Amino acid sequence: MVFAHDTEVALQSTVWLVNTAEEEPDGLTSVAALDAFFTVWEWTGRHERTVAELEEVRALRPRLRSLLLAERDEAVEIVNAMLREAEATPQLVRHDPYDWHVHAVAPDAQLAVRIEVEAAMAMIDVIRTDEMSRLSTCADDECEALVLDLSRNRSKRFCSTTCGNRNAVAAYRARQSAD
């Protein structure tokens, strides 16, 4: 494992959230889709289930994308700004199903704020361990989705099996036509 479990989950959920903006159609257009995000990624705390909350979370995606793709020093500036704006105060908490882990804002803070701070806190570990190369865009020329590579050998290049398969088929066809 490269990072602590809570860091990996925060990174994975952030990448998933950002990538909803790259889907055709957009993968986060309803309160029900936000509910699914909240449930799948096991968020806790305040969740209003309103259109306003949905729009706040949707508006957060470009900033999170910038953070995840930033160069290391730029990422530090973004992380520090996010934590300052949220008046984050890291604390250890424990709740089902997880043992002790870090939360930096109160559970009654707005969902968009909690998502942003969780992403910033996860990026602290990425920055401190100089693992920025684990975040990139998909190697598929037609895809702009983010890739989080948590593999040991740093071999993940595609955001999904769909993009990976499309490129494998294209490479196979290119080899076949060359013969």
C-alpha atoms as a PDB file:
ATOM      1  CA  MET A   1       0.000   0.000   0.000  1.00  0.00           C
ATOM      2  CA  VAL A   2       1.385   3.385  -1.011  1.00  0.00           C
ATOM      3  CA  PHE A   3      -0.814   5.530   1.223  1.00  0.00           C
ATOM      4  CA  ALA A   4      -2.944   5.056   4.334  1.00  0.00           C
ATOM      5  CA  HIS A   5      -6.402   3.674   3.636  1.00  0.00           C
ATOM      6  CA  ASP A   6      -8.220   6.961   4.245  1.00  0.00           C
ATOM      7  CA  THR A   7      -5.840   8.773   1.887  1.00  0.00           C
ATOM      8  CA  GLU A   8      -6.409   6.194  -0.852  1.00  0.00           C
ATOM      9  CA  VAL A   9     -10.180   6.397  -0.455  1.00  0.00           C
ATOM     10  CA  ALA A  10     -10.110  10.209  -0.518  1.00  0.00           C
ATOM     11  CA  LEU A  11      -7.977  10.183  -3.672  1.00  0.00           C
ATOM     12  CA  GLN A  12     -10.162   7.568  -5.356  1.00  0.00           C
ATOM     13  CA  SER A  13     -13.389   9.387  -4.543  1.00  0.00           C
ATOM     14  CA  THR A  14     -11.924  12.691  -5.692  1.00  0.00           C
ATOM     15  CA  VAL A  15     -10.783  11.223  -9.005  1.00  0.00           C
ATOM     16  CA  TRP A  16     -14.200   9.594  -9.445  1.00  0.00           C
ATOM     17  CA  LEU A  17     -15.936  12.896  -8.729  1.00  0.00           C
ATOM     18  CA  VAL A  18     -13.723  14.880 -11.111  1.00  0.00           C
ATOM     19  CA  ASN A  19     -14.163  12.270 -13.839  1.00  0.00           C
ATOM     20  CA  THR A  20     -17.959  12.641 -13.716  1.00  0.00           C
ATOM     21  CA  ALA A  21     -17.413  15.938 -15.546  1.00  0.00           C
ATOM     22  CA  GLU A  22     -15.619  14.075 -18.371  1.00  0.00           C
ATOM     23  CA  GLU A  23     -18.426  11.578 -18.931  1.00  0.00           C
ATOM     24  CA  GLU A  24     -20.872  11.944 -21.813  1.00  0.00           C
ATOM     25  CA  PRO A  25     -23.374  12.838 -20.523  1.00  0.00           C
ATOM     26  CA  ASP A  26     -22.119  14.407 -17.295  1.00  0.00           C
ATOM     27  CA  GLY A  27     -22.201  11.783 -14.538  1.00  0.00           C
ATOM     28  CA  LEU A  28     -23.337  14.136 -11.778  1.00  0.00           C
ATOM     29  CA  THR A  29     -26.517  15.894 -12.859  1.00  0.00           C
ATOM     30  CA  SER A  30     -29.007  14.880 -10.199  1.00  0.00           C
ATOM     31  CA  VAL A  31     -29.404  14.769  -6.451  1.00  0.00           C
ATOM     32  CA  ALA A  32     -29.787  10.993  -6.827  1.00  0.00           C
ATOM     33  CA  ALA A  33     -26.337  10.806  -8.460  1.00  0.00           C
ATOM     34  CA  LEU A  34     -24.899  12.838  -5.569  1.00  0.00           C
ATOM     35  CA  ASP A  35     -26.643  10.488  -3.118  1.00  0.00           C
ATOM     36  CA  ALA A  36     -24.991   7.551  -4.891  1.00  0.00           C
ATOM     37  CA  PHE A  37     -21.580   9.256  -4.623  1.00  0.00           C
ATOM     38  CA  PHE A  38     -22.195   9.880  -0.914  1.00  0.00           C
ATOM     39  CA  THR A  39     -23.182   6.247  -0.335  1.00  0.00           C
ATOM     40  CA  VAL A  40     -20.618   4.485  -2.533  1.00  0.00           C
ATOM     41  CA  TRP A  41     -17.703   6.409  -1.064  1.00  0.00           C
ATOM     42  CA  GLU A  42     -19.102   6.053   2.491  1.00  0.00           C
ATOM     43  CA  TRP A  43     -19.216   9.752   3.321  1.00  0.00           C
ATOM     44  CA  THR A  44     -20.554  10.624   6.741  1.00  0.00           C
ATOM     45  CA  GLY A  45     -21.990  13.798   8.204  1.00  0.00           C
ATOM     46  CA  ARG A  46     -24.240  16.448   6.757  1.00  0.00           C
ATOM     47  CA  HIS A  47     -25.884  15.725   3.402  1.00  0.00           C
ATOM     48  CA  GLU A  48     -28.782  18.010   2.510  1.00  0.00           C
ATOM     49  CA  ARG A  49     -29.888  16.242  -0.687  1.00  0.00           C
ATOM     50  CA  THR A  50     -30.714  19.528  -2.389  1.00  0.00           C
ATOM     51  CA  VAL A  51     -30.081  20.964  -5.837  1.00  0.00           C
ATOM     52  CA  ALA A  52     -28.021  23.721  -4.193  1.00  0.00           C
ATOM     53  CA  GLU A  53     -25.727  21.135  -2.593  1.00  0.00           C
ATOM     54  CA  LEU A  54     -25.442  19.318  -5.921  1.00  0.00           C
ATOM     55  CA  GLU A  55     -24.421  22.545  -7.657  1.00  0.00           C
ATOM     56  CA  GLU A  56     -21.810  23.292  -4.966  1.00  0.00           C
ATOM     57  CA  VAL A  57     -20.243  19.861  -5.465  1.00  0.00           C
ATOM     58  CA  ARG A  58     -20.381  20.166  -9.264  1.00  0.00           C
ATOM     59  CA  ALA A  59     -18.701  23.584  -9.068  1.00  0.00           C
ATOM     60  CA  LEU A  60     -15.875  22.056  -7.045  1.00  0.00           C
ATOM     61  CA  ARG A  61     -14.786  19.628  -9.792  1.00  0.00           C
ATOM     62  CA  PRO A  62     -12.582  22.037 -11.838  1.00  0.00           C
ATOM     63  CA  ARG A  63     -10.652  23.123  -8.743  1.00  0.00           C
ATOM     64  CA  LEU A  64     -10.119  19.513  -7.694  1.00  0.00           C
ATOM     65  CA  ARG A  65      -8.965  18.627 -11.216  1.00  0.00           C
ATOM     66  CA  SER A  66      -6.452  21.497 -11.089  1.00  0.00           C
ATOM     67  CA  LEU A  67      -5.193  20.253  -7.741  1.00  0.00           C
ATOM     68  CA  LEU A  68      -4.776  16.662  -8.883  1.00  0.00           C
ATOM     69  CA  LEU A  69      -2.915  17.620 -12.052  1.00  0.00           C
ATOM     70  CA  ALA A  70      -0.799  20.420 -10.583  1.00  0.00           C
ATOM     71  CA  GLU A  71       2.963  20.329 -10.330  1.00  0.00           C
ATOM     72  CA  ARG A  72       4.137  19.652  -6.792  1.00  0.00           C
ATOM     73  CA  ASP A  73       4.862  23.251  -5.707  1.00  0.00           C
ATOM     74  CA  GLU A  74       1.641  24.518  -7.277  1.00  0.00           C
ATOM     75  CA  ALA A  75      -0.284  21.727  -5.527  1.00  0.00           C
ATOM     76  CA  VAL A  76       1.130  22.934  -2.201  1.00  0.00           C
ATOM     77  CA  GLU A  77      -0.286  26.404  -2.851  1.00  0.00           C
ATOM     78  CA  ILE A  78      -3.700  24.984  -3.781  1.00  0.00           C
ATOM     79  CA  VAL A  79      -3.802  22.653  -0.755  1.00  0.00           C
ATOM     80  CA  ASN A  80      -2.826  25.447   1.625  1.00  0.00           C
ATOM     81  CA  ALA A  81      -5.475  27.755   0.157  1.00  0.00           C
ATOM     82  CA  MET A  82      -8.170  25.073   0.446  1.00  0.00           C
ATOM     83  CA  LEU A  83      -7.304  24.343   4.067  1.00  0.00           C
ATOM     84  CA  ARG A  84      -7.110  28.046   4.971  1.00  0.00           C
ATOM     85  CA  GLU A  85     -10.463  28.819   3.343  1.00  0.00           C
ATOM     86  CA  ALA A  86     -12.139  25.944   5.185  1.00  0.00           C
ATOM     87  CA  GLU A  87     -10.452  26.837   8.479  1.00  0.00           C
ATOM     88  CA  ALA A  88      -9.434  23.189   8.689  1.00  0.00           C
ATOM     89  CA  THR A  89      -8.406  21.748  12.034  1.00  0.00           C
ATOM     90  CA  PRO A  90      -7.231  18.150  11.573  1.00  0.00           C
ATOM     91  CA  GLN A  91      -8.420  15.701  14.201  1.00  0.00           C
ATOM     92  CA  LEU A  92      -8.373  11.958  14.577  1.00  0.00           C
ATOM     93  CA  VAL A  93     -11.834  10.377  14.451  1.00  0.00           C
ATOM     94  CA  ARG A  94     -13.211   6.871  14.429  1.00  0.00           C
ATOM     95  CA  HIS A  95     -16.554   5.789  13.046  1.00  0.00           C
ATOM     96  CA  ASP A  96     -17.946   2.700  11.397  1.00  0.00           C
ATOM     97  CA  PRO A  97     -16.576   1.085   9.348  1.00  0.00           C
ATOM     98  CA  TYR A  98     -13.150   2.748   9.799  1.00  0.00           C
ATOM     99  CA  ASP A  99     -10.653   2.845  12.622  1.00  0.00           C
ATOM    100  CA  TRP A 100      -8.782   6.063  13.521  1.00  0.00           C
ATOM    101  CA  HIS A 101      -8.320   8.431  10.601  1.00  0.00           C
ATOM    102  CA  VAL A 102      -8.139  12.178   9.993  1.00  0.00           C
ATOM    103  CA  HIS A 103     -11.030  14.574   9.438  1.00  0.00           C
ATOM    104  CA  ALA A 104     -10.194  18.251   9.201  1.00  0.00           C
ATOM    105  CA  VAL A 105     -13.631  19.878   9.310  1.00  0.00           C
ATOM    106  CA  ALA A 106     -16.730  19.217  11.370  1.00  0.00           C
ATOM    107  CA  PRO A 107     -19.214  16.601  10.142  1.00  0.00           C
ATOM    108  CA  ASP A 108     -21.881  19.311   9.897  1.00  0.00           C
ATOM    109  CA  ALA A 109     -19.821  21.371   7.418  1.00  0.00           C
ATOM    110  CA  GLN A 110     -21.246  21.578   3.916  1.00  0.00           C
ATOM    111  CA  LEU A 111     -20.600  18.486   1.814  1.00  0.00           C
ATOM    112  CA  ALA A 112     -18.634  20.431  -0.820  1.00  0.00           C
ATOM    113  CA  VAL A 113     -16.354  21.808   1.901  1.00  0.00           C
ATOM    114  CA  ARG A 114     -15.797  18.344   3.369  1.00  0.00           C
ATOM    115  CA  ILE A 115     -15.015  16.906  -0.073  1.00  0.00           C
ATOM    116  CA  GLU A 116     -12.559  19.714  -0.824  1.00  0.00           C
ATOM    117  CA  VAL A 117     -10.798  19.383   2.522  1.00  0.00           C
ATOM    118  CA  GLU A 118     -10.601  15.577   2.284  1.00  0.00           C
ATOM    119  CA  ALA A 119      -8.992  15.949  -1.144  1.00  0.00           C
ATOM    120  CA  ALA A 120      -6.559  18.536   0.212  1.00  0.00           C
ATOM    121  CA  MET A 121      -5.659  16.340   3.173  1.00  0.00           C
ATOM    122  CA  ALA A 122      -5.050  13.362   0.891  1.00  0.00           C
ATOM    123  CA  MET A 123      -2.871  15.485  -1.357  1.00  0.00           C
ATOM    124  CA  ILE A 124      -0.722  16.365   1.657  1.00  0.00           C
ATOM    125  CA  ASP A 125       0.414  12.733   1.721  1.00  0.00           C
ATOM    126  CA  VAL A 126       0.920  12.677  -2.047  1.00  0.00           C
ATOM    127  CA  ILE A 127       3.034  15.829  -1.894  1.00  0.00           C
ATOM    128  CA  ARG A 128       5.047  14.799   1.181  1.00  0.00           C
ATOM    129  CA  THR A 129       5.926  11.423  -0.348  1.00  0.00           C
ATOM    130  CA  ASP A 130       6.669  13.041  -3.748  1.00  0.00           C
ATOM    131  CA  GLU A 131       4.171  10.758  -5.486  1.00  0.00           C
ATOM    132  CA  MET A 132       2.601  13.337  -7.825  1.00  0.00           C
ATOM    133  CA  SER A 133       3.358  11.022 -10.762  1.00  0.00           C
ATOM    134  CA  ARG A 134       0.590   8.730  -9.517  1.00  0.00           C
ATOM    135  CA  LEU A 135      -1.935  11.246 -10.857  1.00  0.00           C
ATOM    136  CA  SER A 136      -2.260  11.881 -14.594  1.00  0.00           C
ATOM    137  CA  THR A 137      -4.710  12.016 -17.451  1.00  0.00           C
ATOM    138  CA  CYS A 138      -5.800   8.953 -19.359  1.00  0.00           C
ATOM    139  CA  ALA A 139      -3.354   7.751 -22.047  1.00  0.00           C
ATOM    140  CA  ASP A 140      -6.261   7.426 -24.496  1.00  0.00           C
ATOM    141  CA  ASP A 141      -5.962  10.322 -26.960  1.00  0.00           C
ATOM    142  CA  GLU A 142      -9.738  10.820 -26.920  1.00  0.00           C
ATOM    143  CA  CYS A 143     -10.130  10.869 -23.129  1.00  0.00           C
ATOM    144  CA  GLU A 144      -9.407  13.613 -20.613  1.00  0.00           C
ATOM    145  CA  ALA A 145     -10.358  11.645 -17.482  1.00  0.00           C
ATOM    146  CA  LEU A 146      -7.959  11.419 -14.550  1.00  0.00           C
ATOM    147  CA  VAL A 147      -5.986   8.326 -13.634  1.00  0.00           C
ATOM    148  CA  LEU A 148      -4.946   7.463 -10.084  1.00  0.00           C
ATOM    149  CA  ASP A 149      -2.213   4.840 -10.196  1.00  0.00           C
ATOM    150  CA  LEU A 150      -1.992   2.976  -6.896  1.00  0.00           C
ATOM    151  CA  SER A 151      -0.233  -0.021  -8.460  1.00  0.00           C
ATOM    152  CA  ARG A 152       3.157  -1.112  -7.145  1.00  0.00           C
ATOM    153  CA  ASN A 153       4.819  -0.949 -10.542  1.00  0.00           C
ATOM    154  CA  ARG A 154       3.213   2.340 -11.596  1.00  0.00           C
ATOM    155  CA  SER A 155       1.748   0.752 -14.707  1.00  0.00           C
ATOM    156  CA  LYS A 156      -1.779   2.164 -14.794  1.00  0.00           C
ATOM    157  CA  ARG A 157      -2.182   4.348 -17.892  1.00  0.00           C
ATOM    158  CA  PHE A 158      -5.909   4.350 -18.588  1.00  0.00           C
ATOM    159  CA  CYS A 159      -8.841   5.637 -16.554  1.00  0.00           C
ATOM    160  CA  SER A 160     -10.957   2.570 -17.251  1.00  0.00           C
ATOM    161  CA  THR A 161     -10.950  -0.821 -18.901  1.00  0.00           C
ATOM    162  CA  THR A 162     -12.972   0.748 -21.717  1.00  0.00           C
ATOM    163  CA  CYS A 163     -10.125   3.095 -22.648  1.00  0.00           C
ATOM    164  CA  GLY A 164      -7.514   0.389 -22.112  1.00  0.00           C
ATOM    165  CA  ASN A 165      -9.399  -2.085 -24.299  1.00  0.00           C
ATOM    166  CA  ARG A 166     -10.002   0.505 -27.028  1.00  0.00           C
ATOM    167  CA  ASN A 167      -6.260   1.170 -27.207  1.00  0.00           C
ATOM    168  CA  ALA A 168      -5.349  -2.518 -27.125  1.00  0.00           C
ATOM    169  CA  VAL A 169      -7.732  -3.221 -30.024  1.00  0.00           C
ATOM    170  CA  ALA A 170      -6.374  -0.257 -31.989  1.00  0.00           C
ATOM    171  CA  ALA A 171      -2.792  -1.458 -31.453  1.00  0.00           C
ATOM    172  CA  TYR A 172      -3.747  -4.986 -32.502  1.00  0.00           C
ATOM    173  CA  ARG A 173      -5.455  -3.729 -35.661  1.00  0.00           C
ATOM    174  CA  ALA A 174      -2.452  -1.552 -36.476  1.00  0.00           C
ATOM    175  CA  ARG A 175      -0.143  -4.576 -36.160  1.00  0.00           C
ATOM    176  CA  GLN A 176      -2.474  -6.682 -38.314  1.00  0.00           C
ATOM    177  CA  SER A 177      -2.662  -4.087 -41.073  1.00  0.00           C
ATOM    178  CA  ALA A 178       1.126  -3.693 -41.045  1.00  0.00           C
ATOM    179  CA  ASP A 179       1.516  -7.417 -41.785  1.00  0.00           C
END
